[in-house]
Amino acid sequence: MTSFEGVQCGIGALRPLSLSPILAFTGQSGVAVARRGYTKLPRCEGLAPVMPPRVPTSQVRLRLTNLLSVTDCLESTSADSVRLHIPTDLSCLVLYEPLGPNYGNQPIRVGSDGGNKFWAPPNRKDAYIRDKAGARLFRWEGGRMRDITATDFGNQQGFSVYSVATIFTQYRDTNHLLAVTFDAERRDVAEEYGGWKVLSFDHERQQGTQRTYYSSVGVAGDQQQLAAPGSPAWMPQLLPAIYNYDASQSPVQPISAGLIGNLAILLALPAFSAQPQLLSHILISYMLPNHWVHHGFAHGHNKERGMVVTVYLDPSNKKGSTPALLDQLQNGYFGPFYGA
C-alpha cells in the first residue's frame, strides 16, 4: 500500500472466501444434506451422483469437481429465487457537476510509488474550478434516467440531500478512481477526511447462498477488489480492470451477485464510461433497472477529470423517495444496482 499526502493506492490482499461444505449427496433423488439441513437440489444433467464416503483416494479430486458443479447449480437456483427488482415508483434526483483543479490556489500535487509518479487531486476546498455550465440534473426513477435540466435545474437549493460523492480519475498515471463522500469544494479533504481514497469494496454474501457475493463499492471497504468476477457488461466499462476479482486468491471461484454500495458513487461510475459531452445519452440509453448495457464509446477517464455527484430526495415523490428506501436500494434489498 502506497500513501502520499493522504492519497492511498495499491492492492490489498483479499480475504479468503469460505465455502460451507455439503456433507453428503445421495442418489438420484437430488437431496443434499447441508450444514443447515436438507435442501432440494435442481437436477443437473450429466453429473454422476456422489457415492458414499468410502472412495479410493484417486477419485477424490473428481468427486470434488462434481460436487462443486452441483453446488454451482444450487447457487444459481438460489440466486434466482431471491432475485428482486427495483420498484418502478422508487426515485431520486441526481446532479452531475464537472470539477477540475485550480492550480492558481494550490500547486499540482504529485507523489511516487516505486519510482512511478502519480497525480493527486487538490486537498483544499478553494483549489477547484466548478463547471456550472456543464452541470446536468436527472431524475432516476425505477432504474432509468431522465434529463430534467431544462425544467428543474436551479431548484435544487431547496431539495433534501441524500448523499454526495466527489470522484477524480488518475488516468494516465494509474487506473484508480479516487473519491470522497462529500463535495470537495465545500470541505477540505485534507482536514476533514484524511485524504483521497481509492475505491474499495465490502464482500457481502447473498442471502440463501454459499458462494454468491455482492460487491459493495465505497471508500471505506476492507477489500481492494471485487468479491467475484465482474460482469462483462460493466467491467471494465464502469470500473477499471484493476478492481476486478483476482482469481489467484482462491482455488474456488465465487459467483457474482452484482454491484451495490454508495449510491452517489454507483451513479457516478457511468459518467466516466464515456466522454463528458455524451453524459445525457449514456445515462438515458444504457442504464436500466438492475442492469447496465455495455456501449461502444471511448472511455471518459480523461486526465485530471473530476465530478461532484449529489443525490437528492425527489420532492415530487414523497412516498417513493425516502432515506429508508434509498438505503435499501444501495444495500441490495432490491437486488443489484448493476447485475451480474
Protein backbone atom coordinates (compact mmCIF):
# COMPACT_ATOMS: atom_id res chain seq x y z
CA MET A 1 0.00 0.00 0.00
CA THR A 2 1.39 3.37 -1.03
CA SER A 3 0.47 6.68 0.55
CA PHE A 4 1.21 10.27 -0.44
CA GLU A 5 -0.34 13.25 1.31
CA GLY A 6 -3.45 11.30 2.16
CA VAL A 7 -3.72 9.51 -1.20
CA GLN A 8 -3.82 5.74 -0.71
CA CYS A 9 -3.00 3.50 -3.66
CA GLY A 10 -2.22 -0.16 -4.04
CA ILE A 11 -3.79 -3.59 -3.99
CA GLY A 12 -4.67 -5.20 -0.70
CA ALA A 13 -4.85 -8.90 -0.09
CA LEU A 14 -8.28 -10.40 -0.50
CA ARG A 15 -9.82 -12.09 2.48
CA PRO A 16 -10.18 -15.83 1.83
CA LEU A 17 -13.73 -16.78 0.97
CA SER A 18 -15.32 -19.62 2.86
CA LEU A 19 -17.46 -22.37 1.40
CA SER A 20 -19.84 -24.17 3.70
CA PRO A 21 -19.37 -27.84 2.85
CA ILE A 22 -22.12 -30.15 1.71
CA LEU A 23 -21.78 -33.16 3.96
CA ALA A 24 -23.39 -35.80 1.77
CA PHE A 25 -25.12 -36.22 -1.55
CA THR A 26 -27.42 -39.14 -2.15
CA GLY A 27 -28.58 -40.92 -5.25
CA GLN A 28 -30.98 -39.90 -7.97
CA SER A 29 -33.37 -38.10 -5.62
CA GLY A 30 -31.33 -34.92 -5.73
CA VAL A 31 -31.31 -34.40 -1.96
CA ALA A 32 -28.28 -32.81 -0.28
CA VAL A 33 -27.55 -32.89 3.42
CA ALA A 34 -26.19 -29.40 4.10
CA ARG A 35 -24.93 -27.75 7.27
CA ARG A 36 -28.31 -26.11 7.80
CA GLY A 37 -30.49 -29.09 6.98
CA TYR A 38 -31.89 -30.62 3.85
CA THR A 39 -32.01 -28.68 0.60
CA LYS A 40 -33.64 -29.78 -2.62
CA LEU A 41 -31.16 -29.63 -5.47
CA PRO A 42 -32.15 -28.93 -9.08
CA ARG A 43 -31.44 -31.76 -11.48
CA CYS A 44 -28.09 -31.15 -13.21
CA GLU A 45 -27.85 -33.20 -16.37
CA GLY A 46 -24.64 -35.09 -16.97
CA LEU A 47 -23.49 -35.19 -13.32
CA ALA A 48 -22.95 -38.56 -11.70
CA PRO A 49 -24.30 -38.83 -8.15
CA VAL A 50 -21.65 -38.63 -5.42
CA MET A 51 -21.18 -42.06 -3.87
CA PRO A 52 -20.98 -42.87 -0.16
CA PRO A 53 -17.85 -41.58 1.60
CA ARG A 54 -15.53 -44.59 1.20
CA VAL A 55 -13.99 -43.93 -2.20
CA PRO A 56 -10.45 -44.50 -3.50
CA THR A 57 -8.07 -41.57 -2.98
CA SER A 58 -7.51 -41.29 -6.74
CA GLN A 59 -11.18 -40.36 -7.19
CA VAL A 60 -11.34 -37.62 -4.55
CA ARG A 61 -10.41 -34.81 -6.93
CA LEU A 62 -13.01 -35.90 -9.50
CA ARG A 63 -15.67 -36.23 -6.80
CA LEU A 64 -14.87 -32.75 -5.53
CA THR A 65 -15.18 -31.33 -9.04
CA ASN A 66 -18.59 -32.95 -9.46
CA LEU A 67 -19.68 -31.73 -6.03
CA LEU A 68 -18.66 -28.14 -6.80
CA SER A 69 -20.59 -28.34 -10.06
CA VAL A 70 -23.66 -29.45 -8.13
CA THR A 71 -23.09 -26.57 -5.68
CA ASP A 72 -22.88 -24.11 -8.61
CA CYS A 73 -26.18 -25.43 -9.88
CA LEU A 74 -27.70 -24.91 -6.43
CA GLU A 75 -26.18 -21.42 -6.14
CA SER A 76 -27.67 -20.29 -9.45
CA THR A 77 -31.11 -21.55 -8.50
CA SER A 78 -30.88 -19.96 -5.03
CA ALA A 79 -29.81 -16.64 -6.53
CA ASP A 80 -32.71 -16.74 -8.98
CA SER A 81 -35.17 -17.46 -6.17
CA VAL A 82 -34.14 -14.38 -4.16
CA ARG A 83 -33.52 -12.05 -7.09
CA LEU A 84 -35.53 -8.87 -6.64
CA HIS A 85 -36.16 -5.88 -8.84
CA ILE A 86 -36.09 -2.14 -8.31
CA PRO A 87 -39.64 -0.81 -7.73
CA THR A 88 -40.89 1.34 -10.59
CA ASP A 89 -42.08 4.04 -8.17
CA LEU A 90 -38.71 4.44 -6.40
CA SER A 91 -36.96 7.67 -7.41
CA CYS A 92 -34.36 10.32 -6.63
CA LEU A 93 -32.79 13.32 -8.33
CA VAL A 94 -29.14 13.26 -9.39
CA LEU A 95 -26.98 16.32 -10.08
CA TYR A 96 -23.72 15.92 -12.05
CA GLU A 97 -21.26 18.83 -11.76
CA PRO A 98 -17.85 18.72 -13.51
CA LEU A 99 -14.97 19.71 -11.22
CA GLY A 100 -11.36 20.49 -12.11
CA PRO A 101 -8.22 21.57 -10.23
CA ASN A 102 -7.35 25.24 -9.77
CA TYR A 103 -3.56 25.33 -9.69
CA GLY A 104 -3.60 29.06 -9.05
CA ASN A 105 -4.75 28.34 -5.50
CA GLN A 106 -2.83 25.13 -4.84
CA PRO A 107 0.19 23.83 -6.78
CA ILE A 108 -0.08 20.50 -8.56
CA ARG A 109 0.35 17.56 -6.21
CA VAL A 110 2.48 14.63 -7.40
CA GLY A 111 3.55 11.57 -5.49
CA SER A 112 5.52 8.45 -6.34
CA ASP A 113 5.13 4.73 -5.95
CA GLY A 114 8.29 2.71 -6.51
CA GLY A 115 9.64 5.40 -8.81
CA ASN A 116 6.35 5.81 -10.71
CA LYS A 117 4.89 9.29 -10.32
CA PHE A 118 1.17 9.83 -9.97
CA TRP A 119 -1.08 12.89 -9.90
CA ALA A 120 -3.29 13.64 -6.92
CA PRO A 121 -6.34 15.94 -6.77
CA PRO A 122 -6.18 19.09 -4.64
CA ASN A 123 -6.91 18.64 -0.95
CA ARG A 124 -8.12 22.19 -0.28
CA LYS A 125 -11.68 23.30 -0.93
CA ASP A 126 -10.55 26.54 -2.61
CA ALA A 127 -8.41 24.70 -5.16
CA TYR A 128 -11.14 23.69 -7.62
CA ILE A 129 -12.95 25.12 -10.62
CA ARG A 130 -16.60 24.11 -10.90
CA ASP A 131 -18.03 23.94 -14.42
CA LYS A 132 -21.53 25.23 -13.74
CA ALA A 133 -22.33 25.39 -17.44
CA GLY A 134 -21.67 21.64 -17.74
CA ALA A 135 -23.91 20.65 -14.82
CA ARG A 136 -26.85 18.34 -15.58
CA LEU A 137 -29.81 17.32 -13.43
CA PHE A 138 -31.57 13.95 -13.85
CA ARG A 139 -34.48 12.10 -12.35
CA TRP A 140 -33.62 8.47 -11.63
CA GLU A 141 -36.87 6.51 -11.44
CA GLY A 142 -37.23 2.76 -11.21
CA GLY A 143 -33.75 2.23 -12.61
CA ARG A 144 -34.00 4.61 -15.58
CA MET A 145 -32.69 8.15 -16.08
CA ARG A 146 -34.44 11.21 -17.47
CA ASP A 147 -32.71 14.55 -18.09
CA ILE A 148 -34.67 17.31 -16.33
CA THR A 149 -32.03 20.05 -16.57
CA ALA A 150 -34.21 22.25 -18.76
CA THR A 151 -37.20 22.19 -16.40
CA ASP A 152 -35.84 21.74 -12.87
CA PHE A 153 -32.21 22.91 -12.80
CA GLY A 154 -31.74 25.71 -10.29
CA ASN A 155 -34.48 24.48 -7.97
CA GLN A 156 -32.24 22.02 -6.14
CA GLN A 157 -31.27 24.51 -3.42
CA GLY A 158 -34.43 23.53 -1.57
CA PHE A 159 -34.05 19.79 -2.16
CA SER A 160 -33.09 17.37 0.63
CA VAL A 161 -29.64 15.84 0.07
CA TYR A 162 -29.37 12.06 0.44
CA SER A 163 -25.71 11.52 -0.45
CA VAL A 164 -22.77 13.18 -2.21
CA ALA A 165 -19.52 11.94 -3.74
CA THR A 166 -16.59 13.66 -5.45
CA ILE A 167 -14.63 11.44 -7.83
CA PHE A 168 -11.45 12.02 -9.86
CA THR A 169 -9.62 9.82 -12.32
CA GLN A 170 -5.86 9.26 -12.07
CA TYR A 171 -5.58 8.45 -15.75
CA ARG A 172 -2.94 8.01 -17.16
CA ASP A 173 -0.77 7.73 -14.05
CA THR A 174 -2.83 4.90 -12.50
CA ASN A 175 -6.08 3.16 -13.32
CA HIS A 176 -7.66 4.08 -10.00
CA LEU A 177 -10.65 6.26 -9.28
CA LEU A 178 -10.18 8.48 -6.21
CA ALA A 179 -13.21 9.52 -4.16
CA VAL A 180 -14.54 11.19 -1.03
CA THR A 181 -18.14 11.01 0.12
CA PHE A 182 -18.82 14.75 0.19
CA ASP A 183 -18.42 17.82 -2.03
CA ALA A 184 -14.67 18.52 -2.09
CA GLU A 185 -15.33 22.17 -2.90
CA ARG A 186 -17.34 22.56 0.31
CA ARG A 187 -14.97 20.85 2.76
CA ASP A 188 -11.18 20.45 2.88
CA VAL A 189 -10.28 16.86 2.02
CA ALA A 190 -7.02 17.04 3.99
CA GLU A 191 -8.58 18.40 7.19
CA GLU A 192 -11.89 16.59 7.36
CA TYR A 193 -11.29 13.25 5.69
CA GLY A 194 -7.60 12.41 5.89
CA GLY A 195 -7.06 12.35 2.14
CA TRP A 196 -8.45 10.96 -1.07
CA LYS A 197 -9.25 7.25 -1.11
CA VAL A 198 -9.17 4.72 -3.91
CA LEU A 199 -12.44 2.87 -4.42
CA SER A 200 -12.77 -0.17 -2.19
CA PHE A 201 -15.32 -2.90 -1.53
CA ASP A 202 -17.09 -4.91 1.10
CA HIS A 203 -17.90 -8.50 0.15
CA GLU A 204 -21.45 -9.38 1.18
CA ARG A 205 -22.76 -12.90 0.71
CA GLN A 206 -26.17 -13.07 -0.90
CA GLN A 207 -28.81 -14.48 1.42
CA GLY A 208 -29.59 -18.12 0.83
CA THR A 209 -26.33 -18.91 -0.99
CA GLN A 210 -22.88 -20.17 -0.05
CA ARG A 211 -20.60 -18.71 -2.74
CA THR A 212 -22.59 -15.86 -4.29
CA TYR A 213 -21.46 -12.38 -3.28
CA TYR A 214 -22.38 -8.76 -3.79
CA SER A 215 -19.53 -6.30 -4.19
CA SER A 216 -20.44 -3.16 -2.24
CA VAL A 217 -18.45 -0.18 -3.55
CA GLY A 218 -17.40 2.76 -1.40
CA VAL A 219 -14.29 4.36 0.08
CA ALA A 220 -14.10 2.52 3.41
CA GLY A 221 -14.30 -1.12 2.32
CA ASP A 222 -11.83 -3.70 3.58
CA GLN A 223 -11.10 -5.14 0.12
CA GLN A 224 -9.43 -3.56 -2.91
CA GLN A 225 -11.09 -5.83 -5.48
CA LEU A 226 -14.48 -7.27 -6.32
CA ALA A 227 -15.82 -10.27 -4.41
CA ALA A 228 -16.28 -12.24 -7.67
CA PRO A 229 -15.53 -11.69 -11.37
CA GLY A 230 -17.31 -8.57 -12.64
CA SER A 231 -19.89 -8.83 -15.40
CA PRO A 232 -18.52 -8.09 -18.89
CA ALA A 233 -21.49 -5.71 -19.23
CA TRP A 234 -19.89 -3.27 -16.76
CA MET A 235 -16.34 -4.47 -16.14
CA PRO A 236 -14.16 -2.62 -17.14
CA GLN A 237 -16.59 -0.04 -18.58
CA LEU A 238 -17.85 1.22 -15.22
CA LEU A 239 -14.99 0.04 -13.01
CA PRO A 240 -11.35 -0.05 -14.19
CA ALA A 241 -9.95 -3.57 -14.55
CA ILE A 242 -7.62 -3.00 -11.60
CA TYR A 243 -10.66 -3.56 -9.34
CA ASN A 244 -11.69 -6.89 -10.85
CA TYR A 245 -11.62 -10.14 -8.90
CA ASP A 246 -8.21 -11.80 -8.66
CA ALA A 247 -8.75 -15.48 -9.42
CA SER A 248 -5.37 -16.41 -7.95
CA GLN A 249 -6.62 -15.59 -4.43
CA SER A 250 -8.86 -18.63 -4.08
CA PRO A 251 -8.99 -22.14 -5.60
CA VAL A 252 -12.80 -21.97 -5.61
CA GLN A 253 -14.16 -19.09 -7.68
CA PRO A 254 -17.11 -17.26 -6.09
CA ILE A 255 -20.20 -16.26 -8.02
CA SER A 256 -21.10 -12.60 -8.53
CA ALA A 257 -24.50 -11.27 -7.45
CA GLY A 258 -23.64 -7.84 -8.88
CA LEU A 259 -22.61 -4.38 -7.73
CA ILE A 260 -24.21 -2.41 -4.87
CA GLY A 261 -22.92 0.24 -2.47
CA ASN A 262 -22.72 4.01 -2.07
CA LEU A 263 -25.49 5.39 -4.27
CA ALA A 264 -23.68 8.57 -5.33
CA ILE A 265 -20.64 6.52 -6.40
CA LEU A 266 -22.79 3.95 -8.24
CA LEU A 267 -24.44 6.79 -10.17
CA ALA A 268 -21.09 8.50 -10.84
CA LEU A 269 -19.44 5.48 -12.47
CA PRO A 270 -21.39 5.69 -15.78
CA ALA A 271 -20.37 9.34 -16.19
CA PHE A 272 -16.75 8.25 -16.56
CA SER A 273 -17.60 5.49 -19.04
CA ALA A 274 -17.70 7.96 -21.95
CA GLN A 275 -16.65 11.49 -22.87
CA PRO A 276 -18.33 14.39 -20.99
CA GLN A 277 -20.44 15.57 -23.93
CA LEU A 278 -22.16 12.16 -24.04
CA LEU A 279 -23.33 12.22 -20.41
CA SER A 280 -27.08 12.52 -21.09
CA HIS A 281 -27.06 9.97 -23.89
CA ILE A 282 -25.09 7.45 -21.85
CA LEU A 283 -27.24 7.73 -18.73
CA ILE A 284 -30.56 7.65 -20.57
CA SER A 285 -29.71 4.89 -23.05
CA TYR A 286 -27.55 2.41 -21.15
CA MET A 287 -28.77 2.46 -17.55
CA LEU A 288 -31.62 0.01 -16.99
CA PRO A 289 -33.27 -1.39 -13.84
CA ASN A 290 -30.72 -3.61 -12.05
CA HIS A 291 -28.60 -3.61 -15.19
CA TRP A 292 -26.01 -1.78 -17.27
CA VAL A 293 -25.89 -2.18 -21.06
CA HIS A 294 -22.37 -2.19 -22.47
CA HIS A 295 -21.78 0.56 -25.04
CA GLY A 296 -19.08 1.07 -27.66
CA PHE A 297 -17.97 4.63 -26.90
CA ALA A 298 -14.43 5.58 -25.88
CA HIS A 299 -13.98 5.76 -22.10
CA GLY A 300 -14.12 9.06 -20.28
CA HIS A 301 -11.18 8.59 -17.93
CA ASN A 302 -9.58 11.81 -19.10
CA LYS A 303 -6.57 13.28 -17.35
CA GLU A 304 -7.49 15.16 -14.14
CA ARG A 305 -11.22 14.77 -14.79
CA GLY A 306 -13.39 15.19 -11.71
CA MET A 307 -17.07 15.33 -10.84
CA VAL A 308 -19.36 16.01 -7.90
CA VAL A 309 -22.48 13.81 -7.85
CA THR A 310 -25.28 14.80 -5.50
CA VAL A 311 -28.29 12.56 -4.85
CA TYR A 312 -31.45 14.33 -3.66
CA LEU A 313 -34.75 13.02 -2.42
CA ASP A 314 -37.35 13.51 -5.14
CA PRO A 315 -39.71 16.28 -3.90
CA SER A 316 -42.41 15.14 -6.32
CA ASN A 317 -42.42 11.60 -4.94
CA LYS A 318 -42.71 11.82 -1.15
CA LYS A 319 -43.69 8.18 -0.64
CA GLY A 320 -41.29 6.64 -3.14
CA SER A 321 -38.20 8.73 -2.34
CA THR A 322 -37.24 8.43 1.32
CA PRO A 323 -33.87 7.89 3.03
CA ALA A 324 -35.02 4.43 4.17
CA LEU A 325 -35.93 3.34 0.63
CA LEU A 326 -32.68 4.68 -0.84
CA ASP A 327 -30.76 2.88 1.93
CA GLN A 328 -32.44 -0.34 0.85
CA LEU A 329 -31.60 0.41 -2.78
CA GLN A 330 -27.89 0.86 -2.19
CA ASN A 331 -27.69 -2.08 0.23
CA GLY A 332 -29.07 -4.59 -2.28
CA TYR A 333 -32.55 -5.07 -0.83
CA PHE A 334 -33.98 -4.64 -4.35
CA GLY A 335 -31.23 -6.71 -5.96
CA PRO A 336 -28.03 -5.45 -7.56
CA PHE A 337 -27.79 -1.91 -8.89
CA TYR A 338 -25.69 -3.30 -11.74
CA GLY A 339 -26.39 -7.00 -12.08
CA ALA A 340 -24.12 -9.91 -12.77
